Amino acid sequence: MTELRKYQAPVWDEPLVVEMGAPGQRGAVPPAPIDGAAAPELPASLRRSTPPALPQISEGDVLRHYLHLSQETMGMIGISLFGTCTMKYNPRVAERFAALGELADVHPHQDDSTVQGLLEIVHRMDLALRELSGMDRFVFQAGGGAGAAYMHATVTRAYFAERGELGSRGEIVTSQQAHPCNPATASAAGFDVITLPLEENGYPSIDALRATLSDRTAAVMINNPDDMGIYNPEIKQWVDLAHEVGALAFYDHANFNGVMSRLRARELGFDACMFMLHKTFGVPKGGGGPAVGAYGCSAELERFLPGPLVDRTDDGYVRRENPDGVGRVREYLGNLQQVVKAYSWVLAMGADGIREAADISVAANNYMETRLLAIPGIAKSYPHLTKHRLEMTRYSLGDYTEETGLTVADIANRMADYGIDEMWFSHEPWIVAEPFTPEAGEGWSLEDIDYWIDVLAQVLDEGRKDPELVRTAPHRQVVAQLDPVGLDDPARWSTTWRAHVRKTAAGG
């Protein structure tokens, strides 16, 4: 077993920045008006009645304040095998590209002739994803996976409205292990959702699908492999059956990492798919975002895509609106800085690198599975399915919880004391007791993977010997467990400084 490192997060009694400083302190002094010219008089309706409650603080104090906060951060700073999200290393060179003034300072209303390089990158990324999926056109407007799923629901609605069938095509079929954004966005778009249960082989049966499909079905929305790492080998039949009743088929590719270059959605018959650029394609996720849900579709559905679309012409690259499109799901062309980062990742990897990354992801996952299942108290979902899984496996601490009373959240809290980032449990609702879903991807070293597993084994052992130590964790982090009493009472907490001042003044 690896020797576990000593870890102690720094703790500062750091005040809020609005509580710091003193009258007269300055971080910057604004310049005087040019040639003594006064600023144009503001209308009375736009003037403040009281000065803004801004801190007066020196630049050095501001720098030290945020340094302290960064040292106290419990975020993604350790080993993060965050399942279903493919938490990859985000290359610093891509961050530098996105920060260049030529990109960061672009205005979305600039003339196309002034942003030819950016439009070329968008077009080339579109072409790259066409190669990976077989689809005929991609757009990057959606600000994440849920946005791309919603785009498909609206495209589906427009497709059947044009055919005069929207009144009768009111159902969308998905599965119990589909990402929640699929049924949620379908419902938000006005469809009724039918959710198929999982059966003994880990996915819904063909018979259950046949019993559900009808002339009322608008689309099937499914991810494959699912979040347990189980690939449905009958997926081609699913698509064929959907088409037999006149429905569309949508492939949620959030779990694409393990099958990159191994399959193409269009060759399986899917009408549309989405990729997470902020996962699979090396772009930051969460606080390092924002996200991009790349949505691709067949030529038959292209006319319904939201504009503007980017085309290549003899004179260069141009944006054009799509007259029959469903309208914006996000402003302009979306988060294009993130598309630039993803394009740099694709160029750096190349076709061979993408294929190798998928192979490493699958190998790393099955190495983890072999080691984790050797630890007492850990089982995997559908344990009777002994075949190796793809890029992630969902595990269960259900038996361990019955033995010790400790939950998977308790275990995760204690792992943080060893410098391990919060592990991913499962989408709700849980269909596996006390689940956790690690995902190594291709970026983590064997040493990192072993360390993560050894920390988990250590914590499980601690829980058997001293359950209270684990239950009350973390102990070596910047914060301890919060008292949950009152967390749902808005009168007892504030999300903004203004609300805090208001409640404090009111005696709240």
Protein backbone atom coordinates (compact mmCIF):
# COMPACT_ATOMS: atom_id res chain seq x y z
CA MET A 1 0.00 0.00 0.00
CA THR A 2 1.18 3.50 -0.80
CA GLU A 3 2.44 5.59 2.11
CA LEU A 4 -0.28 8.19 2.58
CA ARG A 5 0.93 11.77 2.61
CA LYS A 6 0.45 14.11 5.55
CA TYR A 7 -2.10 16.74 4.70
CA GLN A 8 -3.33 19.78 6.58
CA ALA A 9 -5.24 22.51 4.79
CA PRO A 10 -4.34 26.10 5.80
CA VAL A 11 -6.91 27.95 7.86
CA TRP A 12 -7.21 31.74 8.03
CA ASP A 13 -9.61 33.78 10.11
CA GLU A 14 -10.27 35.69 6.91
CA PRO A 15 -13.00 38.37 6.96
CA LEU A 16 -15.22 39.19 4.03
CA VAL A 17 -13.62 41.67 1.65
CA VAL A 18 -16.43 44.16 2.33
CA GLU A 19 -15.42 44.16 6.01
CA MET A 20 -11.78 45.01 5.26
CA GLY A 21 -9.91 48.24 4.59
CA ALA A 22 -10.40 51.74 5.93
CA PRO A 23 -11.69 55.06 4.56
CA GLY A 24 -9.19 56.54 2.13
CA GLN A 25 -7.41 53.31 1.18
CA ARG A 26 -7.19 52.79 -2.56
CA GLY A 27 -6.22 49.99 -4.89
CA ALA A 28 -6.47 52.21 -7.95
CA VAL A 29 -7.05 55.91 -8.54
CA PRO A 30 -9.22 56.70 -11.56
CA PRO A 31 -7.75 59.23 -13.99
CA ALA A 32 -9.00 62.80 -14.07
CA PRO A 33 -11.24 63.83 -16.98
CA ILE A 34 -9.28 64.64 -20.15
CA ASP A 35 -8.63 68.38 -20.52
CA GLY A 36 -10.76 69.05 -17.50
CA ALA A 37 -13.93 68.07 -19.35
CA ALA A 38 -16.76 67.12 -17.05
CA ALA A 39 -18.63 63.90 -17.54
CA PRO A 40 -22.03 64.26 -19.23
CA GLU A 41 -24.74 64.97 -16.72
CA LEU A 42 -26.66 61.81 -15.78
CA PRO A 43 -30.44 61.95 -15.69
CA ALA A 44 -31.75 62.19 -12.17
CA SER A 45 -33.49 58.83 -12.53
CA LEU A 46 -30.11 57.10 -13.00
CA ARG A 47 -28.30 58.71 -10.06
CA ARG A 48 -27.77 56.82 -6.82
CA SER A 49 -29.38 58.28 -3.75
CA THR A 50 -26.63 56.82 -1.55
CA PRO A 51 -23.01 55.91 -2.35
CA PRO A 52 -22.39 52.20 -3.10
CA ALA A 53 -21.26 50.16 -0.11
CA LEU A 54 -17.90 49.26 -1.64
CA PRO A 55 -14.81 48.45 0.44
CA GLN A 56 -11.93 50.92 0.44
CA ILE A 57 -8.86 48.71 0.44
CA SER A 58 -5.31 48.73 -0.92
CA GLU A 59 -4.19 46.52 -3.79
CA GLY A 60 -1.76 44.61 -1.57
CA ASP A 61 -4.48 43.77 0.92
CA VAL A 62 -6.77 42.62 -1.88
CA LEU A 63 -4.06 40.34 -3.26
CA ARG A 64 -3.32 38.83 0.13
CA HIS A 65 -7.04 38.37 0.84
CA TYR A 66 -7.61 36.32 -2.31
CA LEU A 67 -4.39 34.37 -1.75
CA HIS A 68 -5.71 33.35 1.65
CA LEU A 69 -9.02 32.33 0.11
CA SER A 70 -7.24 30.24 -2.53
CA GLN A 71 -5.27 28.48 0.22
CA GLU A 72 -8.52 27.64 1.96
CA THR A 73 -10.16 26.27 -1.15
CA MET A 74 -11.56 22.74 -0.91
CA GLY A 75 -12.24 22.60 -4.63
CA MET A 76 -10.62 20.62 -7.42
CA ILE A 77 -7.05 20.83 -6.16
CA GLY A 78 -6.26 17.22 -5.35
CA ILE A 79 -6.87 13.89 -7.10
CA SER A 80 -10.34 14.11 -8.64
CA LEU A 81 -11.68 10.91 -10.19
CA PHE A 82 -15.05 12.54 -10.76
CA GLY A 83 -17.33 10.04 -12.45
CA THR A 84 -19.75 10.75 -15.33
CA CYS A 85 -18.05 14.08 -15.87
CA THR A 86 -14.59 13.03 -17.12
CA MET A 87 -12.70 15.61 -15.05
CA LYS A 88 -9.65 16.06 -17.25
CA TYR A 89 -6.58 18.19 -16.98
CA ASN A 90 -7.23 21.50 -18.71
CA PRO A 91 -4.04 22.49 -20.58
CA ARG A 92 -2.67 25.88 -19.58
CA VAL A 93 -1.80 26.71 -23.16
CA ALA A 94 -5.50 26.57 -24.08
CA GLU A 95 -6.28 28.94 -21.22
CA ARG A 96 -3.70 31.34 -22.63
CA PHE A 97 -5.28 31.14 -26.08
CA ALA A 98 -8.69 32.01 -24.66
CA ALA A 99 -7.26 34.95 -22.71
CA LEU A 100 -5.63 36.59 -25.73
CA GLY A 101 -7.09 39.98 -26.49
CA GLU A 102 -7.86 38.91 -30.04
CA LEU A 103 -10.39 36.49 -28.56
CA ALA A 104 -11.28 37.81 -25.12
CA ASP A 105 -12.08 41.28 -26.46
CA VAL A 106 -14.15 40.18 -29.46
CA HIS A 107 -17.62 41.71 -29.65
CA PRO A 108 -20.36 39.41 -30.95
CA HIS A 109 -21.64 42.12 -33.30
CA GLN A 110 -18.30 42.55 -35.08
CA ASP A 111 -18.36 42.19 -38.84
CA ASP A 112 -17.49 38.70 -40.06
CA SER A 113 -14.45 40.05 -41.89
CA THR A 114 -12.87 41.02 -38.56
CA VAL A 115 -13.28 37.59 -36.88
CA GLN A 116 -12.31 35.22 -39.68
CA GLY A 117 -9.91 33.24 -37.47
CA LEU A 118 -12.53 32.62 -34.80
CA LEU A 119 -15.18 31.62 -37.33
CA GLU A 120 -12.68 29.26 -38.96
CA ILE A 121 -12.07 27.54 -35.61
CA VAL A 122 -15.83 27.15 -35.08
CA HIS A 123 -16.19 25.66 -38.56
CA ARG A 124 -13.21 23.33 -38.12
CA MET A 125 -14.50 22.13 -34.73
CA ASP A 126 -17.81 21.42 -36.43
CA LEU A 127 -15.97 19.32 -39.03
CA ALA A 128 -14.01 17.45 -36.34
CA LEU A 129 -17.17 16.47 -34.49
CA ARG A 130 -18.77 15.39 -37.74
CA GLU A 131 -15.87 12.96 -38.16
CA LEU A 132 -16.32 11.61 -34.63
CA SER A 133 -20.09 11.21 -34.93
CA GLY A 134 -21.04 10.94 -38.61
CA MET A 135 -23.53 13.80 -38.19
CA ASP A 136 -23.95 16.49 -40.86
CA ARG A 137 -23.79 19.71 -38.81
CA PHE A 138 -22.86 20.85 -35.31
CA VAL A 139 -23.70 24.00 -33.40
CA PHE A 140 -22.18 25.18 -30.13
CA GLN A 141 -24.82 27.53 -28.83
CA ALA A 142 -25.99 25.38 -25.93
CA GLY A 143 -24.36 26.35 -22.63
CA GLY A 144 -24.00 22.77 -21.40
CA GLY A 145 -25.39 19.28 -21.73
CA ALA A 146 -28.85 20.17 -20.48
CA GLY A 147 -28.98 22.99 -23.03
CA ALA A 148 -28.10 20.56 -25.83
CA ALA A 149 -30.72 18.07 -24.63
CA TYR A 150 -33.28 20.86 -24.55
CA MET A 151 -32.22 21.87 -28.05
CA HIS A 152 -33.03 18.37 -29.24
CA ALA A 153 -36.43 18.50 -27.58
CA THR A 154 -37.19 21.78 -29.37
CA VAL A 155 -35.82 20.46 -32.68
CA THR A 156 -38.05 17.41 -32.24
CA ARG A 157 -41.01 19.69 -31.61
CA ALA A 158 -40.29 21.75 -34.73
CA TYR A 159 -39.75 18.63 -36.85
CA PHE A 160 -43.15 17.18 -36.02
CA ALA A 161 -44.90 20.55 -36.13
CA GLU A 162 -43.80 20.94 -39.74
CA ARG A 163 -45.15 17.47 -40.52
CA GLY A 164 -48.47 18.26 -38.83
CA GLU A 165 -47.92 15.52 -36.20
CA LEU A 166 -47.04 17.53 -33.10
CA GLY A 167 -50.54 17.20 -31.70
CA SER A 168 -50.27 13.42 -31.65
CA ARG A 169 -46.52 12.98 -31.03
CA GLY A 170 -46.44 13.91 -27.37
CA GLU A 171 -44.21 11.24 -25.77
CA ILE A 172 -40.46 10.89 -25.31
CA VAL A 173 -38.95 7.61 -24.14
CA THR A 174 -35.84 7.37 -21.97
CA SER A 175 -34.40 4.99 -19.37
CA GLN A 176 -33.93 4.94 -15.63
CA GLN A 177 -30.18 5.44 -16.06
CA ALA A 178 -30.41 8.26 -18.60
CA HIS A 179 -28.94 11.54 -17.45
CA PRO A 180 -31.66 13.55 -15.67
CA CYS A 181 -31.34 16.36 -18.24
CA ASN A 182 -32.99 14.14 -20.84
CA PRO A 183 -36.37 13.62 -19.15
CA ALA A 184 -36.23 17.07 -17.54
CA THR A 185 -35.68 18.97 -20.80
CA ALA A 186 -38.22 16.83 -22.65
CA SER A 187 -40.77 17.70 -20.00
CA ALA A 188 -39.80 21.39 -20.13
CA ALA A 189 -40.42 21.32 -23.90
CA GLY A 190 -43.94 20.04 -23.32
CA PHE A 191 -43.56 16.29 -23.85
CA ASP A 192 -44.75 13.47 -21.63
CA VAL A 193 -41.83 11.31 -20.49
CA ILE A 194 -41.87 7.52 -20.33
CA THR A 195 -38.99 6.07 -18.30
CA LEU A 196 -38.03 2.44 -18.86
CA PRO A 197 -36.70 0.47 -15.85
CA LEU A 198 -33.42 -1.42 -15.92
CA GLU A 199 -33.55 -5.18 -16.09
CA GLU A 200 -31.20 -8.00 -15.13
CA ASN A 201 -28.68 -7.21 -17.86
CA GLY A 202 -28.38 -3.59 -16.66
CA TYR A 203 -30.45 -1.92 -19.38
CA PRO A 204 -34.11 -1.93 -20.46
CA SER A 205 -35.24 -4.83 -22.59
CA ILE A 206 -36.24 -4.72 -26.22
CA ASP A 207 -39.67 -6.04 -25.21
CA ALA A 208 -40.17 -3.13 -22.81
CA LEU A 209 -39.15 -0.69 -25.51
CA ARG A 210 -41.51 -2.25 -28.06
CA ALA A 211 -44.39 -2.06 -25.57
CA THR A 212 -43.71 1.65 -25.08
CA LEU A 213 -43.17 2.85 -28.66
CA SER A 214 -46.18 3.90 -30.71
CA ASP A 215 -47.40 6.55 -33.13
CA ARG A 216 -47.46 8.84 -30.08
CA THR A 217 -43.66 8.63 -29.66
CA ALA A 218 -41.72 11.71 -30.73
CA ALA A 219 -38.20 10.61 -29.76
CA VAL A 220 -36.00 8.26 -27.81
CA MET A 221 -33.36 10.09 -25.72
CA ILE A 222 -30.67 7.82 -24.31
CA ASN A 223 -27.06 7.73 -23.15
CA ASN A 224 -24.84 4.74 -23.80
CA PRO A 225 -22.78 3.58 -21.96
CA ASP A 226 -24.73 4.60 -18.92
CA ASP A 227 -23.29 5.92 -15.68
CA MET A 228 -22.63 2.39 -14.42
CA GLY A 229 -20.31 1.76 -17.36
CA ILE A 230 -22.72 -0.70 -18.97
CA TYR A 231 -22.95 -0.52 -22.75
CA ASN A 232 -26.26 -1.58 -24.27
CA PRO A 233 -25.34 -3.91 -27.16
CA GLU A 234 -28.90 -3.69 -28.48
CA ILE A 235 -28.67 0.06 -29.10
CA LYS A 236 -28.91 -0.30 -32.89
CA GLN A 237 -32.20 -2.16 -32.44
CA TRP A 238 -33.44 0.67 -30.23
CA VAL A 239 -32.82 3.17 -33.00
CA ASP A 240 -34.41 0.95 -35.65
CA LEU A 241 -37.51 0.39 -33.52
CA ALA A 242 -37.85 4.13 -32.90
CA HIS A 243 -37.65 4.79 -36.63
CA GLU A 244 -40.23 2.09 -37.36
CA VAL A 245 -42.84 4.14 -35.49
CA GLY A 246 -41.65 7.40 -37.05
CA ALA A 247 -39.81 8.71 -33.99
CA LEU A 248 -36.39 10.38 -33.76
CA ALA A 249 -33.42 8.99 -31.83
CA PHE A 250 -31.06 11.18 -29.76
CA TYR A 251 -27.69 9.99 -28.39
CA ASP A 252 -26.52 11.68 -25.18
CA HIS A 253 -22.73 11.36 -25.52
CA ALA A 254 -21.81 12.64 -22.06
CA ASN A 255 -20.06 9.29 -21.48
CA PHE A 256 -18.20 9.39 -24.78
CA ASN A 257 -14.67 9.14 -23.40
CA GLY A 258 -14.41 5.37 -23.42
CA VAL A 259 -15.85 4.93 -26.92
CA MET A 260 -14.13 7.80 -28.74
CA SER A 261 -13.22 6.68 -32.26
CA ARG A 262 -14.84 3.30 -31.57
CA LEU A 263 -18.35 4.15 -32.71
CA ARG A 264 -20.17 6.89 -34.59
CA ALA A 265 -23.69 7.88 -33.60
CA ARG A 266 -24.95 8.37 -37.14
CA GLU A 267 -23.69 4.93 -38.20
CA LEU A 268 -25.84 3.49 -35.42
CA GLY A 269 -28.77 5.31 -37.01
CA PHE A 270 -29.16 8.19 -34.52
CA ASP A 271 -30.67 11.40 -35.86
CA ALA A 272 -28.82 13.66 -33.43
CA CYS A 273 -26.28 13.58 -30.62
CA MET A 274 -24.47 15.86 -28.23
CA PHE A 275 -20.94 16.08 -26.86
CA MET A 276 -19.77 17.79 -23.70
CA LEU A 277 -16.83 20.01 -24.66
CA HIS A 278 -16.40 20.81 -20.96
CA LYS A 279 -15.82 17.14 -20.21
CA THR A 280 -14.54 14.92 -22.99
CA PHE A 281 -12.66 17.61 -24.92
CA GLY A 282 -10.36 18.96 -22.22
CA VAL A 283 -12.31 22.13 -21.44
CA PRO A 284 -12.83 23.22 -17.80
CA LYS A 285 -16.04 22.21 -16.06
CA GLY A 286 -17.94 23.99 -13.32
CA GLY A 287 -16.22 27.01 -11.81
CA GLY A 288 -13.58 26.88 -14.54
CA GLY A 289 -16.24 26.90 -17.27
CA PRO A 290 -18.54 27.98 -18.74
CA ALA A 291 -19.80 24.87 -20.46
CA VAL A 292 -20.61 23.94 -24.05
CA GLY A 293 -23.03 21.26 -25.19
CA ALA A 294 -22.15 20.63 -28.83
CA TYR A 295 -25.28 19.49 -30.67
CA GLY A 296 -25.06 17.63 -33.98
CA CYS A 297 -27.77 16.31 -36.25
CA SER A 298 -28.54 14.76 -39.61
CA ALA A 299 -29.06 16.81 -42.76
CA GLU A 300 -32.80 16.23 -42.41
CA LEU A 301 -32.85 18.10 -39.07
CA GLU A 302 -30.30 20.78 -39.95
CA ARG A 303 -32.94 23.27 -41.08
CA PHE A 304 -34.30 23.40 -37.51
CA LEU A 305 -30.99 24.29 -35.85
CA PRO A 306 -30.77 27.65 -34.11
CA GLY A 307 -28.74 30.24 -35.99
CA PRO A 308 -26.44 31.75 -36.70
CA LEU A 309 -24.66 28.93 -38.50
CA VAL A 310 -21.07 29.30 -39.73
CA ASP A 311 -20.46 28.45 -43.38
CA ARG A 312 -17.31 28.44 -45.47
CA THR A 313 -17.56 30.29 -48.79
CA ASP A 314 -15.13 31.31 -51.52
CA ASP A 315 -14.75 34.63 -49.70
CA GLY A 316 -14.11 33.17 -46.25
CA TYR A 317 -16.31 32.29 -43.30
CA VAL A 318 -19.73 33.82 -42.78
CA ARG A 319 -22.52 33.66 -40.25
CA ARG A 320 -26.06 33.15 -41.50
CA GLU A 321 -29.38 32.87 -39.78
CA ASN A 322 -31.49 29.74 -40.15
CA PRO A 323 -35.02 30.81 -41.18
CA ASP A 324 -36.69 27.61 -39.97
CA GLY A 325 -34.54 27.25 -36.85
CA VAL A 326 -35.97 26.83 -33.37
CA GLY A 327 -34.50 30.14 -32.18
CA ARG A 328 -31.77 30.82 -29.68
CA VAL A 329 -31.13 28.56 -26.73
CA ARG A 330 -28.31 30.90 -25.79
CA GLU A 331 -27.14 34.27 -27.07
CA TYR A 332 -25.06 34.66 -30.24
CA LEU A 333 -22.81 31.67 -31.09
CA GLY A 334 -22.43 30.48 -27.49
CA ASN A 335 -19.28 30.24 -25.36
CA LEU A 336 -16.74 30.41 -28.16
CA GLN A 337 -13.67 30.70 -25.92
CA GLN A 338 -14.47 27.17 -24.80
CA VAL A 339 -14.77 25.99 -28.41
CA VAL A 340 -11.26 27.34 -29.02
CA LYS A 341 -9.96 25.32 -26.05
CA ALA A 342 -11.68 22.16 -27.31
CA TYR A 343 -10.30 22.70 -30.81
CA SER A 344 -6.76 23.02 -29.44
CA TRP A 345 -7.31 19.73 -27.57
CA VAL A 346 -8.49 17.99 -30.76
CA LEU A 347 -5.49 19.29 -32.72
CA ALA A 348 -3.05 18.25 -30.01
CA MET A 349 -4.55 14.76 -29.69
CA GLY A 350 -5.17 13.97 -33.34
CA ALA A 351 -7.07 10.88 -34.43
CA ASP A 352 -4.47 8.48 -33.02
CA GLY A 353 -4.32 10.30 -29.70
CA ILE A 354 -8.08 10.29 -29.29
CA ARG A 355 -8.19 6.55 -29.92
CA GLU A 356 -5.34 5.96 -27.47
CA ALA A 357 -7.08 8.09 -24.85
CA ALA A 358 -10.18 5.93 -25.11
CA ASP A 359 -8.09 2.78 -24.72
CA ILE A 360 -6.30 4.17 -21.65
CA SER A 361 -9.62 5.21 -20.12
CA VAL A 362 -11.04 1.72 -20.45
CA ALA A 363 -7.85 0.08 -19.16
CA ALA A 364 -7.65 2.46 -16.17
CA ASN A 365 -11.27 1.84 -15.28
CA ASN A 366 -10.86 -1.90 -15.25
CA TYR A 367 -7.63 -1.66 -13.28
CA MET A 368 -9.56 0.36 -10.69
CA GLU A 369 -12.39 -2.16 -10.68
CA THR A 370 -9.99 -5.03 -9.99
CA ARG A 371 -8.39 -3.22 -7.06
CA LEU A 372 -11.58 -1.74 -5.58
CA LEU A 373 -13.51 -5.01 -5.56
CA ALA A 374 -10.68 -6.57 -3.56
CA ILE A 375 -11.41 -4.14 -0.68
CA PRO A 376 -13.90 -5.52 1.89
CA GLY A 377 -17.16 -3.59 1.93
CA ILE A 378 -17.14 -2.51 -1.74
CA ALA A 379 -19.48 -4.03 -4.31
CA LYS A 380 -20.36 -2.91 -7.82
CA SER A 381 -23.75 -2.27 -9.35
CA TYR A 382 -25.24 -5.38 -10.90
CA PRO A 383 -22.54 -7.58 -9.32
CA HIS A 384 -23.73 -10.64 -11.22
CA LEU A 385 -22.54 -8.96 -14.43
CA THR A 386 -18.91 -9.98 -14.31
CA LYS A 387 -17.74 -8.71 -17.70
CA HIS A 388 -15.42 -5.72 -17.74
CA ARG A 389 -17.10 -2.37 -18.13
CA LEU A 390 -16.17 0.69 -20.10
CA GLU A 391 -14.93 3.98 -18.77
CA MET A 392 -16.56 4.02 -15.34
CA THR A 393 -18.14 1.60 -12.93
CA ARG A 394 -20.66 2.43 -10.24
CA TYR A 395 -19.83 0.94 -6.86
CA SER A 396 -21.83 0.52 -3.68
CA LEU A 397 -20.99 0.85 0.01
CA GLY A 398 -24.43 -0.45 1.01
CA ASP A 399 -23.08 -3.46 2.92
CA TYR A 400 -20.42 -1.31 4.60
CA THR A 401 -23.10 1.14 5.72
CA GLU A 402 -25.11 -1.67 7.27
CA GLU A 403 -21.97 -2.88 9.05
CA THR A 404 -20.74 0.48 10.40
CA GLY A 405 -23.57 2.98 10.06
CA LEU A 406 -21.30 5.22 7.99
CA THR A 407 -22.60 6.62 4.70
CA VAL A 408 -20.79 7.23 1.45
CA ALA A 409 -20.90 10.96 2.27
CA ASP A 410 -19.08 10.26 5.56
CA ILE A 411 -16.40 8.39 3.64
CA ALA A 412 -16.01 11.21 1.12
CA ASN A 413 -15.67 13.77 3.91
CA ARG A 414 -12.89 11.78 5.53
CA MET A 415 -11.07 11.25 2.21
CA ALA A 416 -10.80 15.04 1.99
CA ASP A 417 -8.50 14.88 5.03
CA TYR A 418 -5.98 13.11 2.80
CA GLY A 419 -6.16 15.69 0.00
CA ILE A 420 -8.69 13.81 -2.14
CA ASP A 421 -11.37 15.86 -3.87
CA GLU A 422 -15.03 15.09 -3.24
CA MET A 423 -15.94 11.96 -5.15
CA TRP A 424 -19.03 11.67 -7.32
CA PHE A 425 -21.87 9.58 -5.91
CA SER A 426 -24.71 9.22 -8.42
CA HIS A 427 -27.47 11.12 -10.10
CA GLU A 428 -30.71 11.12 -8.13
CA PRO A 429 -32.65 9.04 -7.47
CA TRP A 430 -30.13 6.47 -6.28
CA ILE A 431 -30.84 3.01 -7.62
CA VAL A 432 -27.68 1.62 -6.01
CA ALA A 433 -27.25 1.80 -2.24
CA GLU A 434 -24.60 4.30 -1.06
CA PRO A 435 -23.13 4.72 -4.56
CA PHE A 436 -19.87 6.20 -5.75
CA THR A 437 -18.67 6.46 -9.34
CA PRO A 438 -14.97 7.13 -9.90
CA GLU A 439 -13.68 7.78 -13.40
CA ALA A 440 -9.97 7.75 -14.12
CA GLY A 441 -10.10 8.83 -17.74
CA GLU A 442 -6.80 8.98 -19.59
CA GLY A 443 -5.16 11.79 -17.67
CA TRP A 444 -4.47 10.41 -14.21
CA SER A 445 -1.27 8.51 -13.54
CA LEU A 446 -1.16 5.02 -12.15
CA GLU A 447 0.36 6.49 -8.98
CA ASP A 448 -2.57 8.89 -8.57
CA ILE A 449 -5.11 6.12 -9.12
CA ASP A 450 -3.36 3.88 -6.58
CA TYR A 451 -3.20 6.71 -4.06
CA TRP A 452 -6.94 7.40 -4.44
CA ILE A 453 -7.76 3.73 -3.90
CA ASP A 454 -5.38 3.43 -0.94
CA VAL A 455 -6.96 6.45 0.74
CA LEU A 456 -10.40 4.89 0.32
CA ALA A 457 -9.16 1.60 1.80
CA GLN A 458 -7.60 3.49 4.73
CA VAL A 459 -10.81 5.40 5.46
CA LEU A 460 -12.95 2.27 5.31
CA ASP A 461 -10.59 0.65 7.79
CA GLU A 462 -10.73 3.71 10.06
CA GLY A 463 -14.51 3.53 9.97
CA ARG A 464 -14.51 0.01 11.32
CA LYS A 465 -12.10 0.89 14.14
CA ASP A 466 -13.32 4.38 15.02
CA PRO A 467 -16.63 5.25 13.32
CA GLU A 468 -16.86 8.62 15.07
CA LEU A 469 -13.58 9.75 13.54
CA VAL A 470 -15.03 9.27 10.08
CA ARG A 471 -18.55 10.46 10.92
CA THR A 472 -17.29 13.83 12.16
CA ALA A 473 -14.79 14.43 9.32
CA PRO A 474 -13.22 16.44 7.85
CA HIS A 475 -10.68 17.26 10.57
CA ARG A 476 -7.74 18.57 8.55
CA GLN A 477 -9.65 20.85 6.21
CA VAL A 478 -10.37 24.57 6.38
CA VAL A 479 -13.94 23.93 7.50
CA ALA A 480 -15.66 21.33 9.60
CA GLN A 481 -19.14 19.97 9.04
CA LEU A 482 -21.85 22.61 9.09
CA ASP A 483 -24.74 22.44 11.50
CA PRO A 484 -27.64 21.68 9.16
CA VAL A 485 -30.19 23.28 11.48
CA GLY A 486 -31.64 26.32 9.78
CA LEU A 487 -30.07 25.74 6.35
CA ASP A 488 -33.54 25.72 4.81
CA ASP A 489 -34.63 28.87 6.69
CA PRO A 490 -33.87 31.95 4.55
CA ALA A 491 -34.37 34.19 7.56
CA ARG A 492 -31.21 32.72 9.12
CA TRP A 493 -28.70 33.02 6.29
CA SER A 494 -27.84 35.36 3.43
CA THR A 495 -26.56 34.68 -0.05
CA THR A 496 -25.37 38.26 -0.62
CA TRP A 497 -23.68 40.96 1.45
CA ARG A 498 -26.62 43.28 0.80
CA ALA A 499 -29.04 40.71 2.24
CA HIS A 500 -26.74 40.23 5.24
CA VAL A 501 -26.67 43.98 5.95
CA ARG A 502 -30.43 44.20 5.57
CA LYS A 503 -31.10 41.27 7.89
CA THR A 504 -28.54 42.44 10.43
CA ALA A 505 -30.11 45.90 10.50
CA ALA A 506 -33.49 44.29 11.01
CA GLY A 507 -32.19 42.16 13.86
CA GLY A 508 -32.29 38.95 11.81
